[in-house]
Structure formats: C-alpha cells, structure tokens
Amino acid sequence: MQTSLRSDGDAEYAGFKLRSQFVTPPSFHEHWRLGLNVEVSLLPETYDRDRWGSELRPIIAWENADWLFALNPIVDTQR
C-alpha cells in the first residue's frame, strides 16, 4: 500500500502495488545472474487516469571479484 504526503501536510492513500522478484541462485553459474521483477498496480484516478498498470523488469548480470555489469530494462504496460 502506498501513501502520498500532500503539500498541505496531509497524507492520503495513493494506491496498491504487488511486486515479486525472482533471481537465479548463486549456484546457477559462476558469473551470470538472471532474474525477473514483476509488478501489478492499482492507483486512485487522482494519481493515474488509467488506474491499472503492470511492469516487467528482466534482469541479466555478469560479475566477478572486481566488476558487476547489469542490465535491467523496464517493460511497462498501462490499460
């Protein structure tokens, strides 16, 4: 559940987001990591005219003892 602090100092309900993240275990590969972040949201019309939204974030990363390179693009949908 989300809240918003308005400019007049009052807080109000600002929507609901359900988020889950799936990631391969360290034993998957010595250097590669794969994952997926999934989100579904329902927001009040005052914050988003479309109200329903979803988001997919595929995650791919390569790492060693000195470096971590990660790609995490956002695929966004709205109704």
PDB file of N, CA and C in Angstrom:
ATOM      1  N   MET A   1       0.849  -1.170   0.000  1.00  0.00           N
ATOM      2  CA  MET A   1       0.000   0.000   0.000  1.00  0.00           C
ATOM      3  C   MET A   1       0.893   1.230   0.000  1.00  0.00           C
ATOM      4  N   GLN A   2       0.486   2.208  -0.765  1.00  0.00           N
ATOM      5  CA  GLN A   2       1.262   3.436  -0.877  1.00  0.00           C
ATOM      6  C   GLN A   2       0.478   4.602  -0.282  1.00  0.00           C
ATOM      7  N   THR A   3       1.210   5.560   0.223  1.00  0.00           N
ATOM      8  CA  THR A   3       0.608   6.802   0.691  1.00  0.00           C
ATOM      9  C   THR A   3       1.312   7.969   0.028  1.00  0.00           C
ATOM     10  N   SER A   4       0.657   9.102   0.067  1.00  0.00           N
ATOM     11  CA  SER A   4       1.225  10.317  -0.508  1.00  0.00           C
ATOM     12  C   SER A   4       1.131  11.432   0.524  1.00  0.00           C
ATOM     13  N   LEU A   5       2.209  12.182   0.671  1.00  0.00           N
ATOM     14  CA  LEU A   5       2.198  13.346   1.552  1.00  0.00           C
ATOM     15  C   LEU A   5       1.918  14.558   0.684  1.00  0.00           C
ATOM     16  N   ARG A   6       0.744  15.131   0.861  1.00  0.00           N
ATOM     17  CA  ARG A   6       0.328  16.269   0.038  1.00  0.00           C
ATOM     18  C   ARG A   6       1.019  17.540   0.506  1.00  0.00           C
ATOM     19  N   SER A   7       0.948  18.577  -0.307  1.00  0.00           N
ATOM     20  CA  SER A   7       1.598  19.850   0.010  1.00  0.00           C
ATOM     21  C   SER A   7       0.997  20.521   1.249  1.00  0.00           C
ATOM     22  N   ASP A   8      -0.259  20.183   1.603  1.00  0.00           N
ATOM     23  CA  ASP A   8      -0.875  20.768   2.804  1.00  0.00           C
ATOM     24  C   ASP A   8      -0.498  20.003   4.075  1.00  0.00           C
ATOM     25  N   GLY A   9       0.356  18.972   3.935  1.00  0.00           N
ATOM     26  CA  GLY A   9       0.814  18.222   5.098  1.00  0.00           C
ATOM     27  C   GLY A   9       0.006  16.977   5.407  1.00  0.00           C
ATOM     28  N   ASP A  10      -1.132  16.784   4.754  1.00  0.00           N
ATOM     29  CA  ASP A  10      -1.951  15.598   4.978  1.00  0.00           C
ATOM     30  C   ASP A  10      -1.429  14.422   4.152  1.00  0.00           C
ATOM     31  N   ALA A  11      -1.602  13.230   4.689  1.00  0.00           N
ATOM     32  CA  ALA A  11      -1.239  12.014   3.964  1.00  0.00           C
ATOM     33  C   ALA A  11      -2.526  11.340   3.499  1.00  0.00           C
ATOM     34  N   GLU A  12      -2.464  10.711   2.340  1.00  0.00           N
ATOM     35  CA  GLU A  12      -3.638  10.015   1.830  1.00  0.00           C
ATOM     36  C   GLU A  12      -3.237   8.734   1.112  1.00  0.00           C
ATOM     37  N   TYR A  13      -4.198   7.841   0.960  1.00  0.00           N
ATOM     38  CA  TYR A  13      -3.991   6.585   0.245  1.00  0.00           C
ATOM     39  C   TYR A  13      -3.626   6.895  -1.209  1.00  0.00           C
ATOM     40  N   ALA A  14      -2.580   6.253  -1.720  1.00  0.00           N
ATOM     41  CA  ALA A  14      -2.118   6.542  -3.082  1.00  0.00           C
ATOM     42  C   ALA A  14      -1.992   5.279  -3.933  1.00  0.00           C
ATOM     43  N   GLY A  15      -2.600   4.196  -3.526  1.00  0.00           N
ATOM     44  CA  GLY A  15      -2.615   3.027  -4.388  1.00  0.00           C
ATOM     45  C   GLY A  15      -2.015   1.786  -3.763  1.00  0.00           C
ATOM     46  N   PHE A  16      -2.051   0.733  -4.567  1.00  0.00           N
ATOM     47  CA  PHE A  16      -1.600  -0.580  -4.147  1.00  0.00           C
ATOM     48  C   PHE A  16      -0.687  -1.146  -5.222  1.00  0.00           C
ATOM     49  N   LYS A  17       0.457  -1.686  -4.826  1.00  0.00           N
ATOM     50  CA  LYS A  17       1.370  -2.341  -5.762  1.00  0.00           C
ATOM     51  C   LYS A  17       1.772  -3.689  -5.185  1.00  0.00           C
ATOM     52  N   LEU A  18       1.693  -4.704  -6.023  1.00  0.00           N
ATOM     53  CA  LEU A  18       2.133  -6.040  -5.661  1.00  0.00           C
ATOM     54  C   LEU A  18       3.374  -6.321  -6.489  1.00  0.00           C
ATOM     55  N   ARG A  19       4.486  -6.610  -5.824  1.00  0.00           N
ATOM     56  CA  ARG A  19       5.767  -6.786  -6.506  1.00  0.00           C
ATOM     57  C   ARG A  19       6.417  -8.088  -6.049  1.00  0.00           C
ATOM     58  N   SER A  20       6.996  -8.801  -7.005  1.00  0.00           N
ATOM     59  CA  SER A  20       7.713 -10.020  -6.690  1.00  0.00           C
ATOM     60  C   SER A  20       8.962 -10.085  -7.559  1.00  0.00           C
ATOM     61  N   GLN A  21      10.036 -10.614  -7.002  1.00  0.00           N
ATOM     62  CA  GLN A  21      11.292 -10.716  -7.736  1.00  0.00           C
ATOM     63  C   GLN A  21      11.783 -12.159  -7.686  1.00  0.00           C
ATOM     64  N   PHE A  22      12.180 -12.645  -8.846  1.00  0.00           N
ATOM     65  CA  PHE A  22      12.726 -13.989  -8.970  1.00  0.00           C
ATOM     66  C   PHE A  22      14.170 -13.861  -9.461  1.00  0.00           C
ATOM     67  N   VAL A  23      15.114 -14.534  -8.807  1.00  0.00           N
ATOM     68  CA  VAL A  23      16.531 -14.461  -9.160  1.00  0.00           C
ATOM     69  C   VAL A  23      17.129 -15.861  -9.091  1.00  0.00           C
ATOM     70  N   THR A  24      18.013 -16.166 -10.043  1.00  0.00           N
ATOM     71  CA  THR A  24      18.685 -17.465 -10.018  1.00  0.00           C
ATOM     72  C   THR A  24      19.599 -17.541  -8.796  1.00  0.00           C
ATOM     73  N   PRO A  25      19.761 -18.716  -8.229  1.00  0.00           N
ATOM     74  CA  PRO A  25      20.646 -18.872  -7.062  1.00  0.00           C
ATOM     75  C   PRO A  25      22.114 -18.757  -7.485  1.00  0.00           C
ATOM     76  N   PRO A  26      23.012 -18.431  -6.540  1.00  0.00           N
ATOM     77  CA  PRO A  26      24.444 -18.328  -6.868  1.00  0.00           C
ATOM     78  C   PRO A  26      25.003 -19.593  -7.511  1.00  0.00           C
ATOM     79  N   SER A  27      24.422 -20.743  -7.235  1.00  0.00           N
ATOM     80  CA  SER A  27      24.913 -21.992  -7.827  1.00  0.00           C
ATOM     81  C   SER A  27      24.532 -22.132  -9.304  1.00  0.00           C
ATOM     82  N   PHE A  28      23.687 -21.236  -9.832  1.00  0.00           N
ATOM     83  CA  PHE A  28      23.260 -21.287 -11.231  1.00  0.00           C
ATOM     84  C   PHE A  28      24.450 -21.214 -12.184  1.00  0.00           C
ATOM     85  N   HIS A  29      25.351 -20.255 -11.961  1.00  0.00           N
ATOM     86  CA  HIS A  29      26.532 -20.079 -12.806  1.00  0.00           C
ATOM     87  C   HIS A  29      27.547 -19.258 -12.021  1.00  0.00           C
ATOM     88  N   GLU A  30      28.797 -19.466 -12.303  1.00  0.00           N
ATOM     89  CA  GLU A  30      29.857 -18.751 -11.577  1.00  0.00           C
ATOM     90  C   GLU A  30      29.791 -17.235 -11.765  1.00  0.00           C
ATOM     91  N   HIS A  31      29.442 -16.773 -12.972  1.00  0.00           N
ATOM     92  CA  HIS A  31      29.471 -15.334 -13.257  1.00  0.00           C
ATOM     93  C   HIS A  31      28.111 -14.733 -13.634  1.00  0.00           C
ATOM     94  N   TRP A  32      27.212 -15.512 -14.196  1.00  0.00           N
ATOM     95  CA  TRP A  32      25.942 -14.971 -14.693  1.00  0.00           C
ATOM     96  C   TRP A  32      24.828 -15.062 -13.656  1.00  0.00           C
ATOM     97  N   ARG A  33      23.993 -14.029 -13.618  1.00  0.00           N
ATOM     98  CA  ARG A  33      22.786 -13.988 -12.785  1.00  0.00           C
ATOM     99  C   ARG A  33      21.620 -13.574 -13.676  1.00  0.00           C
ATOM    100  N   LEU A  34      20.493 -14.229 -13.516  1.00  0.00           N
ATOM    101  CA  LEU A  34      19.279 -13.899 -14.257  1.00  0.00           C
ATOM    102  C   LEU A  34      18.144 -13.672 -13.265  1.00  0.00           C
ATOM    103  N   GLY A  35      17.234 -12.778 -13.623  1.00  0.00           N
ATOM    104  CA  GLY A  35      16.114 -12.530 -12.732  1.00  0.00           C
ATOM    105  C   GLY A  35      14.963 -11.859 -13.455  1.00  0.00           C
ATOM    106  N   LEU A  36      13.866 -11.705 -12.745  1.00  0.00           N
ATOM    107  CA  LEU A  36      12.686 -11.033 -13.272  1.00  0.00           C
ATOM    108  C   LEU A  36      11.955 -10.375 -12.114  1.00  0.00           C
ATOM    109  N   ASN A  37      11.671  -9.098 -12.265  1.00  0.00           N
ATOM    110  CA  ASN A  37      10.882  -8.346 -11.299  1.00  0.00           C
ATOM    111  C   ASN A  37       9.505  -8.112 -11.938  1.00  0.00           C
ATOM    112  N   VAL A  38       8.435  -8.499 -11.242  1.00  0.00           N
ATOM    113  CA  VAL A  38       7.071  -8.388 -11.760  1.00  0.00           C
ATOM    114  C   VAL A  38       6.274  -7.493 -10.818  1.00  0.00           C
ATOM    115  N   GLU A  39       5.498  -6.553 -11.395  1.00  0.00           N
ATOM    116  CA  GLU A  39       4.711  -5.638 -10.568  1.00  0.00           C
ATOM    117  C   GLU A  39       3.343  -5.424 -11.202  1.00  0.00           C
ATOM    118  N   VAL A  40       2.307  -5.418 -10.365  1.00  0.00           N
ATOM    119  CA  VAL A  40       0.943  -5.082 -10.767  1.00  0.00           C
ATOM    120  C   VAL A  40       0.468  -3.995  -9.816  1.00  0.00           C
ATOM    121  N   SER A  41      -0.154  -2.936 -10.369  1.00  0.00           N
ATOM    122  CA  SER A  41      -0.572  -1.831  -9.512  1.00  0.00           C
ATOM    123  C   SER A  41      -1.996  -1.386  -9.818  1.00  0.00           C
ATOM    124  N   LEU A  42      -2.644  -0.865  -8.791  1.00  0.00           N
ATOM    125  CA  LEU A  42      -3.961  -0.240  -8.893  1.00  0.00           C
ATOM    126  C   LEU A  42      -3.870   1.075  -8.134  1.00  0.00           C
ATOM    127  N   LEU A  43      -3.967   2.180  -8.866  1.00  0.00           N
ATOM    128  CA  LEU A  43      -3.801   3.501  -8.270  1.00  0.00           C
ATOM    129  C   LEU A  43      -5.102   4.283  -8.342  1.00  0.00           C
ATOM    130  N   PRO A  44      -5.353   5.191  -7.389  1.00  0.00           N
ATOM    131  CA  PRO A  44      -6.527   6.053  -7.478  1.00  0.00           C
ATOM    132  C   PRO A  44      -6.461   6.914  -8.741  1.00  0.00           C
ATOM    133  N   GLU A  45      -7.600   7.242  -9.290  1.00  0.00           N
ATOM    134  CA  GLU A  45      -7.653   8.032 -10.522  1.00  0.00           C
ATOM    135  C   GLU A  45      -6.988   9.400 -10.373  1.00  0.00           C
ATOM    136  N   THR A  46      -6.928   9.930  -9.169  1.00  0.00           N
ATOM    137  CA  THR A  46      -6.260  11.221  -8.960  1.00  0.00           C
ATOM    138  C   THR A  46      -4.757  11.133  -9.202  1.00  0.00           C
ATOM    139  N   TYR A  47      -4.179   9.923  -9.137  1.00  0.00           N
ATOM    140  CA  TYR A  47      -2.743   9.743  -9.370  1.00  0.00           C
ATOM    141  C   TYR A  47      -2.432   9.160 -10.746  1.00  0.00           C
ATOM    142  N   ASP A  48      -3.367   8.387 -11.297  1.00  0.00           N
ATOM    143  CA  ASP A  48      -3.154   7.800 -12.621  1.00  0.00           C
ATOM    144  C   ASP A  48      -4.506   7.572 -13.272  1.00  0.00           C
ATOM    145  N   ARG A  49      -4.735   8.233 -14.375  1.00  0.00           N
ATOM    146  CA  ARG A  49      -6.027   8.154 -15.061  1.00  0.00           C
ATOM    147  C   ARG A  49      -6.346   6.718 -15.493  1.00  0.00           C
ATOM    148  N   ASP A  50      -5.305   5.935 -15.854  1.00  0.00           N
ATOM    149  CA  ASP A  50      -5.517   4.563 -16.311  1.00  0.00           C
ATOM    150  C   ASP A  50      -5.763   3.580 -15.167  1.00  0.00           C
ATOM    151  N   ARG A  51      -5.363   3.948 -13.966  1.00  0.00           N
ATOM    152  CA  ARG A  51      -5.544   3.201 -12.728  1.00  0.00           C
ATOM    153  C   ARG A  51      -4.788   1.888 -12.668  1.00  0.00           C
ATOM    154  N   TRP A  52      -5.008   0.937 -13.583  1.00  0.00           N
ATOM    155  CA  TRP A  52      -4.313  -0.347 -13.570  1.00  0.00           C
ATOM    156  C   TRP A  52      -3.006  -0.240 -14.342  1.00  0.00           C
ATOM    157  N   GLY A  53      -1.958  -0.845 -13.813  1.00  0.00           N
ATOM    158  CA  GLY A  53      -0.682  -0.877 -14.517  1.00  0.00           C
ATOM    159  C   GLY A  53       0.077  -2.139 -14.169  1.00  0.00           C
ATOM    160  N   SER A  54       1.046  -2.461 -14.997  1.00  0.00           N
ATOM    161  CA  SER A  54       1.914  -3.597 -14.718  1.00  0.00           C
ATOM    162  C   SER A  54       3.299  -3.298 -15.266  1.00  0.00           C
ATOM    163  N   GLU A  55       4.271  -4.008 -14.749  1.00  0.00           N
ATOM    164  CA  GLU A  55       5.648  -3.751 -15.147  1.00  0.00           C
ATOM    165  C   GLU A  55       6.438  -5.059 -15.073  1.00  0.00           C
ATOM    166  N   LEU A  56       7.252  -5.285 -16.072  1.00  0.00           N
ATOM    167  CA  LEU A  56       8.186  -6.409 -16.080  1.00  0.00           C
ATOM    168  C   LEU A  56       9.592  -5.850 -16.198  1.00  0.00           C
ATOM    169  N   ARG A  57      10.482  -6.323 -15.365  1.00  0.00           N
ATOM    170  CA  ARG A  57      11.880  -5.915 -15.431  1.00  0.00           C
ATOM    171  C   ARG A  57      12.759  -7.154 -15.517  1.00  0.00           C
ATOM    172  N   PRO A  58      13.151  -7.543 -16.732  1.00  0.00           N
ATOM    173  CA  PRO A  58      14.107  -8.638 -16.824  1.00  0.00           C
ATOM    174  C   PRO A  58      15.470  -8.156 -16.326  1.00  0.00           C
ATOM    175  N   ILE A  59      16.186  -9.039 -15.679  1.00  0.00           N
ATOM    176  CA  ILE A  59      17.490  -8.683 -15.107  1.00  0.00           C
ATOM    177  C   ILE A  59      18.521  -9.683 -15.609  1.00  0.00           C
ATOM    178  N   ILE A  60      19.606  -9.179 -16.158  1.00  0.00           N
ATOM    179  CA  ILE A  60      20.723 -10.031 -16.545  1.00  0.00           C
ATOM    180  C   ILE A  60      21.994  -9.356 -16.049  1.00  0.00           C
ATOM    181  N   ALA A  61      22.847 -10.123 -15.400  1.00  0.00           N
ATOM    182  CA  ALA A  61      24.062  -9.548 -14.820  1.00  0.00           C
ATOM    183  C   ALA A  61      25.227 -10.514 -14.961  1.00  0.00           C
ATOM    184  N   TRP A  62      26.405  -9.942 -15.101  1.00  0.00           N
ATOM    185  CA  TRP A  62      27.659 -10.696 -15.109  1.00  0.00           C
ATOM    186  C   TRP A  62      28.548 -10.086 -14.051  1.00  0.00           C
ATOM    187  N   GLU A  63      29.167 -10.918 -13.230  1.00  0.00           N
ATOM    188  CA  GLU A  63      30.026 -10.392 -12.181  1.00  0.00           C
ATOM    189  C   GLU A  63      31.230 -11.289 -11.945  1.00  0.00           C
ATOM    190  N   ASN A  64      32.302 -10.644 -11.466  1.00  0.00           N
ATOM    191  CA  ASN A  64      33.463 -11.375 -10.966  1.00  0.00           C
ATOM    192  C   ASN A  64      33.911 -10.671  -9.688  1.00  0.00           C
ATOM    193  N   ALA A  65      35.091 -10.920  -9.220  1.00  0.00           N
ATOM    194  CA  ALA A  65      35.548 -10.344  -7.955  1.00  0.00           C
ATOM    195  C   ALA A  65      35.704  -8.824  -8.022  1.00  0.00           C
ATOM    196  N   ASP A  66      35.914  -8.289  -9.237  1.00  0.00           N
ATOM    197  CA  ASP A  66      36.178  -6.851  -9.383  1.00  0.00           C
ATOM    198  C   ASP A  66      35.042  -6.051 -10.018  1.00  0.00           C
ATOM    199  N   TRP A  67      34.190  -6.686 -10.812  1.00  0.00           N
ATOM    200  CA  TRP A  67      33.193  -5.964 -11.590  1.00  0.00           C
ATOM    201  C   TRP A  67      31.818  -6.609 -11.491  1.00  0.00           C
ATOM    202  N   LEU A  68      30.802  -5.754 -11.673  1.00  0.00           N
ATOM    203  CA  LEU A  68      29.422  -6.208 -11.819  1.00  0.00           C
ATOM    204  C   LEU A  68      28.805  -5.387 -12.943  1.00  0.00           C
ATOM    205  N   PHE A  69      28.373  -6.052 -13.997  1.00  0.00           N
ATOM    206  CA  PHE A  69      27.673  -5.408 -15.102  1.00  0.00           C
ATOM    207  C   PHE A  69      26.240  -5.932 -15.101  1.00  0.00           C
ATOM    208  N   ALA A  70      25.277  -5.016 -15.078  1.00  0.00           N
ATOM    209  CA  ALA A  70      23.870  -5.438 -15.011  1.00  0.00           C
ATOM    210  C   ALA A  70      23.030  -4.654 -16.002  1.00  0.00           C
ATOM    211  N   LEU A  71      22.048  -5.332 -16.582  1.00  0.00           N
ATOM    212  CA  LEU A  71      21.073  -4.721 -17.471  1.00  0.00           C
ATOM    213  C   LEU A  71      19.710  -5.009 -16.870  1.00  0.00           C
ATOM    214  N   ASN A  72      18.933  -3.947 -16.660  1.00  0.00           N
ATOM    215  CA  ASN A  72      17.640  -4.071 -16.000  1.00  0.00           C
ATOM    216  C   ASN A  72      16.631  -3.129 -16.681  1.00  0.00           C
ATOM    217  N   PRO A  73      16.216  -3.422 -17.942  1.00  0.00           N
ATOM    218  CA  PRO A  73      15.263  -2.550 -18.636  1.00  0.00           C
ATOM    219  C   PRO A  73      13.855  -2.688 -18.052  1.00  0.00           C
ATOM    220  N   ILE A  74      13.020  -1.692 -18.291  1.00  0.00           N
ATOM    221  CA  ILE A  74      11.640  -1.707 -17.816  1.00  0.00           C
ATOM    222  C   ILE A  74      10.706  -1.904 -19.005  1.00  0.00           C
ATOM    223  N   VAL A  75       9.814  -2.872 -18.905  1.00  0.00           N
ATOM    224  CA  VAL A  75       8.754  -3.063 -19.880  1.00  0.00           C
ATOM    225  C   VAL A  75       7.459  -2.706 -19.146  1.00  0.00           C
ATOM    226  N   ASP A  76       6.864  -1.578 -19.514  1.00  0.00           N
ATOM    227  CA  ASP A  76       5.736  -1.011 -18.786  1.00  0.00           C
ATOM    228  C   ASP A  76       4.475  -1.150 -19.632  1.00  0.00           C
ATOM    229  N   THR A  77       3.364  -1.506 -19.011  1.00  0.00           N
ATOM    230  CA  THR A  77       2.085  -1.558 -19.698  1.00  0.00           C
ATOM    231  C   THR A  77       1.060  -0.760 -18.918  1.00  0.00           C
ATOM    232  N   GLN A  78       0.126  -0.173 -19.627  1.00  0.00           N
ATOM    233  CA  GLN A  78      -0.974   0.535 -18.986  1.00  0.00           C
ATOM    234  C   GLN A  78      -2.236   0.224 -19.762  1.00  0.00           C
ATOM    235  N   ARG A  79      -3.346   0.209 -19.044  1.00  0.00           N
ATOM    236  CA  ARG A  79      -4.641  -0.097 -19.685  1.00  0.00           C
ATOM    237  C   ARG A  79      -5.414   1.154 -19.905  1.00  0.00           C
TER     238      ARG A  79
END
